[in-house]
């Protein structure tokens, strides 16, 4: 199966990664192996609800043709992951792909352990057969830190050694990222707190609402700067953020992260738990977009959640985020665009890739309701803002959602729509992910008003087998 299964649900995305049915959340372990990208994800194979957590698995030769594989990790009765195989990563351990993940046993008190599972090699080139190790490599948080949240290991390299991050929260409400030396994946040593919420830069750009930092991810840019990606937890997922700075050795056996700036990673309300894959020439990122509709509607649809389009992330010289959709997504474009040049009006398909460039204040309308309300994107280059106004398209709660204002140079936006998944990119400076569900009487029509603008739009179509 190359893409998500077709569904009668009009909100179903068809060109992004999701299982054919039931639940998906965090992307896990993006991994390049034998010429293919492998992507794992939290998955309940039995229902569209967040429980009974396994690892689902897809792979692709080009980031657009996705093949579904059997479930990779399944909870082990009586084992350290009996209550779920939760978030983590995949690394190459001397030629053996190895999943490093959070295990939760039936006696857990909200704290995970760090578990390993190894692909059975050399016969398993497709990474479809995994053997969990019976004993965790880390049974819980280090003593003496009063940690009440401990999960989501992420392994990286620095200074010729292998290290790991673990997301944490402390009893006094301080979030942190813990550091481990794991040069030998079977032997982990606690190496201190990499960063916590008391850091003045982190407090300023991320705020003080989070009581835990989940799913920490860390990568180095070509310019030698490091980017720390965090999912902010306040008892529930509340936002995603990033920090850019430097990774400094501290003594002979520790590292510290020194941030210089940062901000919101994604400005939308339906994006969380991103995972990164650092490749030789770029860093890819996927996020999870949850459902923003009532559970009754989810149950009728039979599926919940989707992963975003892959995004390439880097930093600008000022330390701010640089982000664009992966170039491979152009393989999904139809042979001919449905709108080009100075087009001011065009019918919109269910899935499309639209770019609008302008030098002046411009309003882009994408949906119109029976009451006359419009879903709009307002570009204001003079103010340096882009505003998404969902108008009459409410979310799970009945109140009208407030417009989202993104402050960034606003001369160009690229909009990717796939069913209910809406992904907006403001130049290469910001991204915004929302779930917007069309109703039967909505009119999907592109209407551009205001300053002269250049428009290019393609319908998304199943890619030609390559």
Protein backbone atom coordinates (compact mmCIF):
# COMPACT_ATOMS: atom_id res chain seq x y z
CA UNK A 1 0.00 0.00 0.00
CA UNK A 2 1.71 3.18 -1.15
CA UNK A 3 -0.32 5.75 0.77
CA UNK A 4 -2.96 5.85 3.47
CA UNK A 5 -6.00 3.78 2.59
CA UNK A 6 -8.82 5.59 0.83
CA UNK A 7 -11.67 6.48 3.15
CA UNK A 8 -15.24 7.65 2.74
CA UNK A 9 -14.51 10.21 5.47
CA UNK A 10 -13.97 13.54 3.66
CA UNK A 11 -11.56 14.61 6.40
CA UNK A 12 -9.17 11.74 5.72
CA UNK A 13 -5.71 12.72 4.41
CA UNK A 14 -4.52 10.47 1.58
CA UNK A 15 -0.96 11.69 0.94
CA UNK A 16 0.50 11.72 4.46
CA UNK A 17 1.53 8.85 6.71
CA UNK A 18 -1.23 7.26 8.75
CA UNK A 19 -2.28 3.63 9.27
CA UNK A 20 -5.23 2.30 7.26
CA UNK A 21 -7.36 2.42 10.43
CA UNK A 22 -7.34 3.19 14.14
CA UNK A 23 -4.96 5.35 16.18
CA UNK A 24 -1.66 7.06 15.40
CA UNK A 25 0.29 9.58 17.47
CA UNK A 26 4.00 10.41 17.90
CA UNK A 27 6.35 9.73 14.98
CA UNK A 28 9.22 7.59 16.27
CA UNK A 29 12.60 6.54 15.00
CA UNK A 30 12.86 8.05 11.52
CA UNK A 31 15.76 6.07 10.10
CA UNK A 32 17.61 5.69 6.80
CA UNK A 33 18.51 2.10 5.98
CA UNK A 34 19.61 0.44 2.73
CA UNK A 35 18.33 3.29 0.57
CA UNK A 36 14.91 3.62 2.24
CA UNK A 37 13.44 5.93 4.82
CA UNK A 38 11.79 4.04 7.66
CA UNK A 39 9.30 5.78 9.91
CA UNK A 40 7.74 4.32 13.03
CA UNK A 41 4.87 5.73 15.07
CA UNK A 42 2.75 5.20 18.17
CA UNK A 43 -0.19 3.03 17.17
CA UNK A 44 -3.23 1.36 18.68
CA UNK A 45 -4.12 -1.36 16.15
CA UNK A 46 -7.52 -2.04 17.72
CA UNK A 47 -9.35 1.29 18.02
CA UNK A 48 -9.06 5.02 17.24
CA UNK A 49 -8.23 5.88 20.87
CA UNK A 50 -4.96 6.52 22.72
CA UNK A 51 -4.28 3.24 24.49
CA UNK A 52 -2.71 -0.19 23.84
CA UNK A 53 0.38 1.51 22.39
CA UNK A 54 2.46 -0.37 19.78
CA UNK A 55 4.93 0.84 17.15
CA UNK A 56 3.55 0.98 13.63
CA UNK A 57 5.96 1.02 10.68
CA UNK A 58 6.12 2.39 7.13
CA UNK A 59 9.00 2.83 4.70
CA UNK A 60 9.62 4.75 1.49
CA UNK A 61 12.28 5.09 -1.20
CA UNK A 62 11.41 8.76 -1.83
CA UNK A 63 9.26 10.20 1.01
CA UNK A 64 6.05 9.97 -1.06
CA UNK A 65 5.59 6.25 -1.89
CA UNK A 66 4.93 4.79 1.60
CA UNK A 67 4.63 1.06 2.18
CA UNK A 68 2.88 -0.23 5.29
CA UNK A 69 4.70 -2.98 7.21
CA UNK A 70 3.66 -5.27 10.06
CA UNK A 71 3.69 -3.78 13.55
CA UNK A 72 7.29 -3.41 14.70
CA UNK A 73 6.99 -3.36 18.51
CA UNK A 74 4.28 -5.03 20.57
CA UNK A 75 3.95 -4.89 24.38
CA UNK A 76 5.42 -7.98 26.03
CA UNK A 77 3.19 -9.66 28.65
CA UNK A 78 5.04 -9.53 31.94
CA UNK A 79 7.81 -7.43 30.39
CA UNK A 80 9.03 -3.88 31.02
CA UNK A 81 6.82 -2.61 28.15
CA UNK A 82 3.70 -4.54 29.13
CA UNK A 83 1.65 -1.31 29.38
CA UNK A 84 2.95 0.12 26.14
CA UNK A 85 5.88 0.63 23.77
CA UNK A 86 6.09 4.41 23.91
CA UNK A 87 8.20 7.03 22.17
CA UNK A 88 11.86 6.74 21.26
CA UNK A 89 14.27 6.53 18.33
CA UNK A 90 16.11 4.07 16.08
CA UNK A 91 19.91 3.98 15.72
CA UNK A 92 22.50 1.95 13.84
CA UNK A 93 24.39 0.01 16.51
CA UNK A 94 27.41 -1.49 14.71
CA UNK A 95 25.27 -2.51 11.74
CA UNK A 96 22.24 -3.58 13.76
CA UNK A 97 19.22 -1.23 13.65
CA UNK A 98 18.17 -0.79 17.28
CA UNK A 99 15.02 0.78 18.67
CA UNK A 100 15.55 2.76 21.88
CA UNK A 101 12.14 3.40 23.41
CA UNK A 102 10.10 4.07 26.53
CA UNK A 103 8.68 0.98 28.15
CA UNK A 104 5.90 1.16 30.70
CA UNK A 105 5.12 -1.86 32.89
CA UNK A 106 1.82 -2.69 34.59
CA UNK A 107 3.04 -1.30 37.92
CA UNK A 108 4.12 2.07 36.55
CA UNK A 109 3.48 5.33 38.40
CA UNK A 110 3.85 7.56 35.35
CA UNK A 111 7.58 6.89 34.96
CA UNK A 112 8.98 4.91 32.06
CA UNK A 113 12.07 2.78 31.62
CA UNK A 114 14.45 2.82 28.66
CA UNK A 115 14.20 -0.36 26.60
CA UNK A 116 15.96 -1.73 23.53
CA UNK A 117 14.74 -3.88 20.64
CA UNK A 118 17.03 -5.09 17.87
CA UNK A 119 16.19 -5.86 14.26
CA UNK A 120 16.95 -9.48 13.43
CA UNK A 121 19.90 -9.27 11.06
CA UNK A 122 21.14 -10.02 8.46
CA UNK A 123 17.96 -11.62 7.15
CA UNK A 124 15.74 -8.64 8.03
CA UNK A 125 16.75 -6.00 5.51
CA UNK A 126 13.21 -4.58 5.57
CA UNK A 127 13.28 -4.08 9.38
CA UNK A 128 10.06 -5.97 9.91
CA UNK A 129 11.25 -8.39 12.59
CA UNK A 130 12.33 -7.02 15.98
CA UNK A 131 13.50 -8.70 19.19
CA UNK A 132 12.95 -6.73 22.42
CA UNK A 133 15.58 -7.17 25.12
CA UNK A 134 14.01 -8.54 28.32
CA UNK A 135 15.69 -6.04 30.68
CA UNK A 136 15.64 -2.23 30.43
CA UNK A 137 18.98 -0.45 30.08
CA UNK A 138 17.64 2.27 32.41
CA UNK A 139 14.96 1.28 34.89
CA UNK A 140 13.86 4.80 35.82
CA UNK A 141 15.06 8.32 36.60
CA UNK A 142 18.29 8.97 38.48
CA UNK A 143 18.09 9.15 42.24
CA UNK A 144 18.09 12.50 43.96
CA UNK A 145 16.39 14.61 41.29
CA UNK A 146 12.74 14.19 42.36
CA UNK A 147 11.72 13.44 38.77
CA UNK A 148 7.99 12.80 38.22
CA UNK A 149 8.06 12.55 34.40
CA UNK A 150 10.70 10.46 32.58
CA UNK A 151 10.33 9.34 28.97
CA UNK A 152 11.18 9.62 25.25
CA UNK A 153 14.88 8.75 24.75
CA UNK A 154 16.71 10.29 21.80
CA UNK A 155 20.24 9.16 20.86
CA UNK A 156 22.77 11.43 19.11
CA UNK A 157 26.53 11.76 18.60
CA UNK A 158 28.88 14.47 19.80
CA UNK A 159 32.64 14.53 20.33
CA UNK A 160 33.02 11.04 18.89
CA UNK A 161 30.70 9.53 21.49
CA UNK A 162 27.10 8.48 21.66
CA UNK A 163 24.77 10.28 24.06
CA UNK A 164 21.06 10.22 24.82
CA UNK A 165 18.46 12.75 25.92
CA UNK A 166 15.43 11.89 28.05
CA UNK A 167 12.48 14.21 28.58
CA UNK A 168 11.69 15.00 32.20
CA UNK A 169 9.63 17.01 34.64
CA UNK A 170 10.38 17.59 38.32
CA UNK A 171 8.12 17.66 41.38
CA UNK A 172 8.46 21.44 41.70
CA UNK A 173 7.08 21.95 38.18
CA UNK A 174 10.42 22.53 36.43
CA UNK A 175 10.82 20.85 33.01
CA UNK A 176 14.19 19.51 31.95
CA UNK A 177 16.16 17.38 29.53
CA UNK A 178 18.36 14.73 31.13
CA UNK A 179 21.62 13.56 29.54
CA UNK A 180 23.07 10.04 29.45
CA UNK A 181 26.36 8.70 28.16
CA UNK A 182 25.41 5.61 26.15
CA UNK A 183 28.41 5.03 23.92
CA UNK A 184 27.71 1.38 24.68
CA UNK A 185 23.96 1.07 24.17
CA UNK A 186 23.85 -1.69 26.77
CA UNK A 187 25.53 0.48 29.45
CA UNK A 188 24.01 3.89 30.23
CA UNK A 189 25.50 6.44 32.67
CA UNK A 190 23.60 9.50 33.89
CA UNK A 191 25.61 12.58 32.87
CA UNK A 192 23.55 15.39 34.39
CA UNK A 193 20.86 17.82 33.33
CA UNK A 194 21.46 19.11 29.81
CA UNK A 195 19.03 22.04 30.27
CA UNK A 196 16.05 22.95 32.43
CA UNK A 197 13.27 25.49 32.52
CA UNK A 198 15.19 27.79 34.86
CA UNK A 199 17.54 28.75 32.04
CA UNK A 200 16.76 32.43 31.31
CA UNK A 201 16.71 32.03 27.51
CA UNK A 202 14.49 28.96 27.67
CA UNK A 203 12.15 30.67 30.14
CA UNK A 204 11.86 33.75 27.94
CA UNK A 205 11.20 32.08 24.57
CA UNK A 206 9.31 28.96 25.71
CA UNK A 207 7.38 30.43 28.64
CA UNK A 208 6.80 28.93 32.07
CA UNK A 209 3.58 26.99 31.44
CA UNK A 210 5.18 23.59 30.80
CA UNK A 211 5.88 21.27 33.73
CA UNK A 212 7.68 18.74 31.53
CA UNK A 213 9.59 18.65 28.27
CA UNK A 214 8.69 15.64 26.14
CA UNK A 215 10.24 14.12 23.03
CA UNK A 216 13.55 16.06 23.10
CA UNK A 217 15.38 16.01 19.76
CA UNK A 218 18.82 17.50 19.08
CA UNK A 219 20.67 18.06 15.81
CA UNK A 220 23.69 19.97 14.56
CA UNK A 221 23.48 22.35 11.60
CA UNK A 222 26.07 22.68 8.85
CA UNK A 223 27.25 25.87 10.52
CA UNK A 224 28.04 24.08 13.77
CA UNK A 225 25.06 25.36 15.74
CA UNK A 226 22.79 22.94 17.60
CA UNK A 227 18.99 22.91 17.64
CA UNK A 228 17.04 21.46 20.56
CA UNK A 229 13.40 20.61 19.75
CA UNK A 230 10.97 20.21 22.66
CA UNK A 231 7.33 19.26 23.13
CA UNK A 232 5.86 21.25 25.99
CA UNK A 233 3.71 19.35 28.50
CA UNK A 234 1.51 21.08 31.09
CA UNK A 235 -0.41 17.97 32.12
CA UNK A 236 -1.49 17.72 28.49
CA UNK A 237 0.35 18.51 25.25
CA UNK A 238 0.30 22.30 24.93
CA UNK A 239 2.86 23.45 22.32
CA UNK A 240 6.16 22.75 20.60
CA UNK A 241 9.29 24.87 20.82
CA UNK A 242 12.88 25.06 19.71
CA UNK A 243 16.13 26.49 21.04
CA UNK A 244 19.27 27.20 19.05
CA UNK A 245 22.67 27.42 20.63
CA UNK A 246 25.86 25.54 21.38
CA UNK A 247 26.67 22.19 22.92
CA UNK A 248 29.59 22.59 25.31
CA UNK A 249 31.71 19.92 26.99
CA UNK A 250 31.67 20.22 30.76
CA UNK A 251 34.59 18.36 32.23
CA UNK A 252 35.48 15.06 30.62
CA UNK A 253 32.15 13.31 30.94
CA UNK A 254 29.30 15.80 30.57
CA UNK A 255 27.73 18.20 28.07
CA UNK A 256 25.67 21.34 28.52
CA UNK A 257 23.41 23.11 26.04
CA UNK A 258 23.76 26.91 25.95
CA UNK A 259 20.78 28.44 24.10
CA UNK A 260 20.98 31.85 22.46
CA UNK A 261 17.42 32.13 21.10
CA UNK A 262 14.38 30.10 20.12
CA UNK A 263 10.61 30.21 19.84
CA UNK A 264 7.53 28.30 18.77
CA UNK A 265 8.35 25.43 16.46
CA UNK A 266 4.87 25.25 14.93
CA UNK A 267 2.35 28.06 15.41
CA UNK A 268 -0.75 25.91 14.94
CA UNK A 269 -2.85 24.09 17.52
CA UNK A 270 -2.74 20.60 16.00
CA UNK A 271 0.96 19.69 15.96
CA UNK A 272 3.00 17.85 18.60
CA UNK A 273 5.80 15.40 19.35
CA UNK A 274 8.01 16.06 16.29
CA UNK A 275 10.84 13.67 15.45
CA UNK A 276 13.95 14.50 13.42
CA UNK A 277 16.26 12.56 11.14
CA UNK A 278 19.69 14.08 10.56
CA UNK A 279 20.99 13.19 7.11
CA UNK A 280 24.37 14.19 5.62
CA UNK A 281 22.92 17.17 3.72
CA UNK A 282 19.75 18.06 5.66
CA UNK A 283 17.59 17.40 8.71
CA UNK A 284 14.05 16.10 8.21
CA UNK A 285 11.22 16.57 10.69
CA UNK A 286 7.78 14.98 11.03
CA UNK A 287 5.11 15.89 13.57
CA UNK A 288 1.88 14.36 14.78
CA UNK A 289 -1.40 16.14 14.02
CA UNK A 290 -4.25 14.98 16.25
CA UNK A 291 -7.98 15.17 15.63
CA UNK A 292 -9.73 18.44 16.49
CA UNK A 293 -13.23 16.96 16.42
CA UNK A 294 -15.47 15.07 18.81
CA UNK A 295 -14.73 11.44 19.67
CA UNK A 296 -18.11 10.38 18.27
CA UNK A 297 -17.03 11.63 14.84
CA UNK A 298 -13.66 9.88 15.23
CA UNK A 299 -15.36 6.61 16.14
CA UNK A 300 -17.58 6.82 13.06
CA UNK A 301 -14.57 7.53 10.85
CA UNK A 302 -12.58 4.63 12.34
CA UNK A 303 -9.23 6.44 12.37
CA UNK A 304 -7.49 9.15 14.38
CA UNK A 305 -4.34 11.17 13.74
CA UNK A 306 -1.92 11.68 10.90
CA UNK A 307 1.74 12.57 10.49
CA UNK A 308 2.62 15.82 8.79
CA UNK A 309 4.46 16.24 5.54
CA UNK A 310 8.25 15.90 6.02
CA UNK A 311 9.87 19.27 6.60
CA UNK A 312 13.50 20.32 6.21
CA UNK A 313 14.70 22.31 9.24
CA UNK A 314 17.77 24.47 9.76
CA UNK A 315 18.54 27.88 11.27
CA UNK A 316 19.05 31.35 9.87
CA UNK A 317 22.17 33.32 10.87
CA UNK A 318 20.15 35.07 13.59
CA UNK A 319 19.34 31.69 15.17
CA UNK A 320 15.69 31.64 14.11
CA UNK A 321 14.15 28.57 12.55
CA UNK A 322 14.48 27.87 8.84
CA UNK A 323 11.83 25.44 7.61
CA UNK A 324 10.51 24.34 4.20
CA UNK A 325 8.58 21.31 2.93
CA UNK A 326 10.83 18.49 1.71
CA UNK A 327 11.53 18.83 -2.02
CA UNK A 328 10.27 15.29 -2.67
CA UNK A 329 6.70 16.49 -2.06
CA UNK A 330 6.76 18.01 -5.54
CA UNK A 331 6.43 14.44 -6.85
CA UNK A 332 2.80 14.57 -5.70
CA UNK A 333 1.91 17.50 -7.95
CA UNK A 334 -0.33 16.95 -10.96
CA UNK A 335 1.25 17.40 -14.38
CA UNK A 336 -0.43 20.78 -14.86
CA UNK A 337 -1.28 23.42 -12.24
CA UNK A 338 -4.90 24.41 -11.62
CA UNK A 339 -3.92 28.05 -11.05
CA UNK A 340 -0.96 30.11 -12.29
CA UNK A 341 0.24 33.67 -12.57
CA UNK A 342 -2.23 36.43 -11.64
CA UNK A 343 -5.15 34.03 -11.14
CA UNK A 344 -7.69 35.51 -8.71
CA UNK A 345 -10.22 32.68 -8.54
CA UNK A 346 -10.14 28.89 -9.01
CA UNK A 347 -11.91 25.78 -7.70
CA UNK A 348 -9.87 23.93 -5.10
CA UNK A 349 -9.45 20.12 -5.06
CA UNK A 350 -9.52 18.03 -1.88
CA UNK A 351 -5.72 17.98 -1.73
CA UNK A 352 -3.43 20.65 -3.12
CA UNK A 353 -0.07 22.47 -2.96
CA UNK A 354 -0.55 26.24 -3.30
CA UNK A 355 2.01 29.08 -3.28
CA UNK A 356 1.04 32.76 -3.12
CA UNK A 357 3.63 35.54 -3.47
CA UNK A 358 2.83 39.23 -2.99
CA UNK A 359 4.43 42.60 -2.26
CA UNK A 360 1.33 44.08 -0.62
CA UNK A 361 -1.57 43.27 1.69
CA UNK A 362 -3.36 40.26 0.20
CA UNK A 363 -6.22 38.06 1.39
CA UNK A 364 -6.38 34.44 0.24
CA UNK A 365 -9.79 32.81 0.78
CA UNK A 366 -9.86 28.99 0.67
CA UNK A 367 -13.28 27.92 1.95
CA UNK A 368 -16.70 29.57 2.10
CA UNK A 369 -19.52 28.33 4.32
CA UNK A 370 -23.24 28.42 3.61
CA UNK A 371 -23.50 31.39 6.00
CA UNK A 372 -20.91 33.31 3.98
CA UNK A 373 -18.06 32.93 6.45
CA UNK A 374 -14.62 32.42 4.91
CA UNK A 375 -11.43 30.61 5.80
CA UNK A 376 -8.70 33.10 4.98
CA UNK A 377 -4.95 33.66 5.03
CA UNK A 378 -4.02 37.35 5.20
CA UNK A 379 -0.51 38.34 4.09
CA UNK A 380 0.68 41.77 5.23
CA UNK A 381 4.31 42.31 4.15
CA UNK A 382 4.39 45.85 5.55
CA UNK A 383 3.44 44.60 9.02
CA UNK A 384 5.49 41.41 8.67
CA UNK A 385 2.54 39.18 9.57
CA UNK A 386 0.49 36.30 8.22
CA UNK A 387 -2.91 35.68 9.82
CA UNK A 388 -4.96 32.49 9.58
CA UNK A 389 -8.65 33.10 10.32
CA UNK A 390 -10.70 29.89 10.45
CA UNK A 391 -13.91 31.88 10.65
CA UNK A 392 -16.84 29.49 11.04
CA UNK A 393 -14.80 26.26 11.11
CA UNK A 394 -14.89 25.42 14.81
CA UNK A 395 -12.70 22.97 16.65
CA UNK A 396 -13.61 20.39 19.30
CA UNK A 397 -14.85 23.08 21.70
CA UNK A 398 -17.82 25.11 20.46
CA UNK A 399 -16.31 28.59 20.70
CA UNK A 400 -15.05 30.30 17.57
CA UNK A 401 -11.26 29.82 17.42
CA UNK A 402 -9.27 33.02 17.49
CA UNK A 403 -7.21 33.93 14.42
CA UNK A 404 -3.54 32.93 14.57
CA UNK A 405 -1.06 35.70 13.79
CA UNK A 406 2.45 34.65 12.77
CA UNK A 407 5.06 37.39 12.86
CA UNK A 408 7.54 36.73 10.08
CA UNK A 409 8.47 38.27 6.72
CA UNK A 410 5.24 37.70 4.86
CA UNK A 411 5.85 38.04 1.15
CA UNK A 412 5.14 34.38 0.41
CA UNK A 413 3.14 31.50 1.81
CA UNK A 414 2.96 27.88 0.76
CA UNK A 415 -0.16 25.98 1.76
CA UNK A 416 -0.38 22.18 1.75
CA UNK A 417 -3.89 20.79 2.21
CA UNK A 418 -4.67 17.07 2.37
CA UNK A 419 -8.22 16.36 3.52
CA UNK A 420 -8.50 17.94 6.97
CA UNK A 421 -4.73 18.48 7.36
CA UNK A 422 -3.77 22.13 6.77
CA UNK A 423 -0.04 23.01 6.72
CA UNK A 424 1.04 26.61 6.17
CA UNK A 425 4.64 27.75 5.59
CA UNK A 426 5.50 31.46 5.84
CA UNK A 427 8.45 31.74 3.46
CA UNK A 428 11.15 29.69 5.18
CA UNK A 429 10.56 31.37 8.56
CA UNK A 430 7.57 29.71 10.22
CA UNK A 431 5.10 26.85 9.98
CA UNK A 432 1.52 26.39 11.17
CA UNK A 433 -0.48 23.15 11.35
CA UNK A 434 -4.24 22.96 11.92
CA UNK A 435 -7.03 20.47 11.31
CA UNK A 436 -9.94 21.97 9.34
CA UNK A 437 -12.87 19.74 8.41
CA UNK A 438 -14.93 20.59 5.33
CA UNK A 439 -18.68 20.30 5.63
CA UNK A 440 -20.90 19.05 2.79
CA UNK A 441 -22.19 22.54 1.95
CA UNK A 442 -18.80 24.29 2.07
CA UNK A 443 -17.46 25.74 -1.16
CA UNK A 444 -13.74 25.12 -1.68
CA UNK A 445 -12.67 27.99 -3.88
CA UNK A 446 -9.50 30.04 -4.12
CA UNK A 447 -10.25 33.77 -4.12
CA UNK A 448 -7.34 36.25 -4.01
CA UNK A 449 -8.10 39.89 -3.19
CA UNK A 450 -5.99 42.96 -2.49
CA UNK A 451 -2.55 43.61 -3.91
CA UNK A 452 -1.36 41.97 -7.09
CA UNK A 453 -0.20 38.46 -6.23
CA UNK A 454 1.38 35.55 -8.09
CA UNK A 455 -0.36 32.23 -7.54
CA UNK A 456 0.71 28.70 -8.39
CA UNK A 457 -1.40 25.73 -7.34
CA UNK A 458 -1.24 22.01 -8.05
CA UNK A 459 -3.68 19.28 -7.20
CA UNK A 460 -2.05 16.40 -5.31
CA UNK A 461 -2.29 13.10 -7.15
CA UNK A 462 -0.99 9.60 -6.39
CA UNK A 463 2.67 9.51 -7.43
CA UNK A 464 3.72 7.51 -10.43
CA UNK A 465 5.47 4.32 -9.27
CA UNK A 466 9.19 4.91 -9.42
